[in-house]
C-alpha atoms as a PDB file:
ATOM      1  CA  MET A   1     -17.555  -0.186  11.561  1.00  0.00           C
ATOM      2  CA  ILE A   2     -13.942  -1.361  11.985  1.00  0.00           C
ATOM      3  CA  PRO A   3     -11.704   0.942  14.087  1.00  0.00           C
ATOM      4  CA  ASN A   4      -8.957   2.652  12.036  1.00  0.00           C
ATOM      5  CA  ASN A   5      -6.005   0.807  13.607  1.00  0.00           C
ATOM      6  CA  GLU A   6      -7.685  -2.553  13.195  1.00  0.00           C
ATOM      7  CA  LYS A   7      -8.378  -1.760   9.539  1.00  0.00           C
ATOM      8  CA  LYS A   8      -4.808  -0.481   9.046  1.00  0.00           C
ATOM      9  CA  ASN A   9      -3.360  -3.629  10.649  1.00  0.00           C
ATOM     10  CA  HIS A  10      -5.582  -5.780   8.426  1.00  0.00           C
ATOM     11  CA  TYR A  11      -4.157  -4.159   5.291  1.00  0.00           C
ATOM     12  CA  ILE A  12      -0.563  -4.313   6.562  1.00  0.00           C
ATOM     13  CA  LYS A  13      -0.976  -8.032   7.185  1.00  0.00           C
ATOM     14  CA  LEU A  14      -2.639  -8.515   3.773  1.00  0.00           C
ATOM     15  CA  PHE A  15       0.199  -6.745   1.987  1.00  0.00           C
ATOM     16  CA  ARG A  16       2.896  -8.580   3.952  1.00  0.00           C
ATOM     17  CA  ASP A  17       1.191 -11.941   3.340  1.00  0.00           C
ATOM     18  CA  HIS A  18       1.611 -11.176  -0.381  1.00  0.00           C
ATOM     19  CA  LYS A  19       5.287 -10.308   0.062  1.00  0.00           C
ATOM     20  CA  PHE A  20       4.968  -6.497  -0.104  1.00  0.00           C
ATOM     21  CA  ASN A  21       7.245  -4.472   2.131  1.00  0.00           C
ATOM     22  CA  CYS A  22       5.335  -2.199   4.541  1.00  0.00           C
ATOM     23  CA  PHE A  23       7.315   0.509   6.297  1.00  0.00           C
ATOM     24  CA  PRO A  24       6.420   3.231   8.836  1.00  0.00           C
ATOM     25  CA  ILE A  25       5.839   6.899   8.035  1.00  0.00           C
ATOM     26  CA  PRO A  26       6.076   9.020  11.184  1.00  0.00           C
ATOM     27  CA  PRO A  27       3.170  11.244  12.288  1.00  0.00           C
ATOM     28  CA  ASN A  28       2.879  14.640  10.565  1.00  0.00           C
ATOM     29  CA  GLN A  29       4.835  13.430   7.546  1.00  0.00           C
ATOM     30  CA  LYS A  30       2.519  13.189   4.581  1.00  0.00           C
ATOM     31  CA  VAL A  31       4.800  11.737   1.943  1.00  0.00           C
ATOM     32  CA  ALA A  32       7.101   8.771   2.059  1.00  0.00           C
ATOM     33  CA  ASP A  33       8.997   9.659  -1.114  1.00  0.00           C
ATOM     34  CA  PHE A  34      11.840  11.410   0.714  1.00  0.00           C
ATOM     35  CA  ARG A  35      12.059   8.849   3.484  1.00  0.00           C
ATOM     36  CA  TYR A  36      13.048   5.666   1.699  1.00  0.00           C
ATOM     37  CA  LYS A  37      15.006   4.220  -1.165  1.00  0.00           C
ATOM     38  CA  ALA A  38      13.111   1.179  -2.375  1.00  0.00           C
ATOM     39  CA  SER A  39      16.123  -1.113  -2.612  1.00  0.00           C
ATOM     40  CA  MET A  40      17.373  -0.088   0.848  1.00  0.00           C
ATOM     41  CA  THR A  41      14.138  -0.068   2.882  1.00  0.00           C
ATOM     42  CA  VAL A  42      14.378  -2.596   5.716  1.00  0.00           C
ATOM     43  CA  PRO A  43      11.577  -5.171   5.292  1.00  0.00           C
ATOM     44  CA  ASN A  44       8.788  -5.650   7.847  1.00  0.00           C
ATOM     45  CA  GLN A  45       9.609  -2.781  10.180  1.00  0.00           C
ATOM     46  CA  THR A  46       7.341  -2.312  13.179  1.00  0.00           C
ATOM     47  CA  ILE A  47       4.569   0.174  12.413  1.00  0.00           C
ATOM     48  CA  LYS A  48       3.204   1.936  15.491  1.00  0.00           C
ATOM     49  CA  ASP A  49      -0.500   2.724  15.895  1.00  0.00           C
ATOM     50  CA  GLU A  50       0.149   6.460  15.521  1.00  0.00           C
ATOM     51  CA  GLU A  51       2.213   6.008  12.319  1.00  0.00           C
ATOM     52  CA  ASN A  52       0.994   5.810   8.773  1.00  0.00           C
ATOM     53  CA  TYR A  53       2.628   3.278   6.439  1.00  0.00           C
ATOM     54  CA  GLY A  54       3.957   2.947   2.936  1.00  0.00           C
ATOM     55  CA  VAL A  55       3.911  -0.137   0.740  1.00  0.00           C
ATOM     56  CA  LEU A  56       6.540  -1.332  -1.734  1.00  0.00           C
ATOM     57  CA  PRO A  57       6.473  -4.320  -4.078  1.00  0.00           C
ATOM     58  CA  THR A  58       9.439  -6.684  -3.755  1.00  0.00           C
ATOM     59  CA  GLY A  59      11.550  -8.049  -6.582  1.00  0.00           C
ATOM     60  CA  GLY A  60      10.928 -11.649  -7.605  1.00  0.00           C
ATOM     61  CA  SER A  61       7.761 -11.955  -5.517  1.00  0.00           C
ATOM     62  CA  GLY A  62       5.173 -11.676  -8.279  1.00  0.00           C
ATOM     63  CA  ASN A  63       3.635  -8.511  -6.863  1.00  0.00           C
ATOM     64  CA  CYS A  64       3.486  -4.943  -8.136  1.00  0.00           C
ATOM     65  CA  ILE A  65       1.799  -1.583  -7.718  1.00  0.00           C
ATOM     66  CA  VAL A  66       0.278   0.140 -10.709  1.00  0.00           C
ATOM     67  CA  ASP A  67      -0.686   3.807 -10.390  1.00  0.00           C
ATOM     68  CA  LEU A  68      -3.505   4.794 -12.752  1.00  0.00           C
ATOM     69  CA  ASP A  69      -3.259   8.581 -12.877  1.00  0.00           C
ATOM     70  CA  ASN A  70      -6.578   9.246 -14.638  1.00  0.00           C
ATOM     71  CA  LYS A  71      -9.240   7.620 -12.441  1.00  0.00           C
ATOM     72  CA  GLU A  72     -12.172   8.250 -14.746  1.00  0.00           C
ATOM     73  CA  HIS A  73     -10.296   7.072 -17.852  1.00  0.00           C
ATOM     74  CA  TYR A  74      -9.340   3.764 -16.174  1.00  0.00           C
ATOM     75  CA  ARG A  75     -12.445   3.235 -14.020  1.00  0.00           C
ATOM     76  CA  LYS A  76     -13.946   0.543 -16.278  1.00  0.00           C
ATOM     77  CA  PHE A  77     -10.599  -1.276 -16.377  1.00  0.00           C
ATOM     78  CA  ALA A  78     -10.299  -1.081 -12.574  1.00  0.00           C
ATOM     79  CA  GLN A  79     -13.804  -2.488 -12.112  1.00  0.00           C
ATOM     80  CA  HIS A  80     -12.916  -5.369 -14.457  1.00  0.00           C
ATOM     81  CA  MET A  81      -9.751  -6.091 -12.460  1.00  0.00           C
ATOM     82  CA  ILE A  82     -11.744  -6.121  -9.204  1.00  0.00           C
ATOM     83  CA  LYS A  83     -14.085  -8.732 -10.702  1.00  0.00           C
ATOM     84  CA  ASP A  84     -10.985 -10.786 -11.588  1.00  0.00           C
ATOM     85  CA  GLY A  85      -9.893 -10.726  -7.930  1.00  0.00           C
ATOM     86  CA  TYR A  86      -7.319  -7.934  -7.980  1.00  0.00           C
ATOM     87  CA  MET A  87      -7.129  -5.363  -5.206  1.00  0.00           C
ATOM     88  CA  MET A  88      -7.763  -1.819  -6.426  1.00  0.00           C
ATOM     89  CA  ILE A  89      -7.483   1.209  -4.122  1.00  0.00           C
ATOM     90  CA  GLU A  90      -8.806   4.619  -5.082  1.00  0.00           C
ATOM     91  CA  SER A  91      -6.929   7.435  -3.422  1.00  0.00           C
ATOM     92  CA  PRO A  92      -8.338  10.943  -2.958  1.00  0.00           C
ATOM     93  CA  HIS A  93      -5.640  12.444  -5.166  1.00  0.00           C
END
């Protein structure tokens, strides 16, 4: 099993390699929504081991984030996209 920080750093590098902006979320803060404004978030900030992180797509980079609100309704679509090589993440919410 991969330790949590190693796994976290793997995903941060993966996102940054594909021109996403990863930014820190301090401990004990569950949501990033009130902490950033997408167009003003400084790119590639240092993310400490004890911090969580948020991810933003960047304009003109050919990347995006799509939030599928109804997991069961879109499950077949998500599985198809995974087969086509797209990254799909299922959150607990």
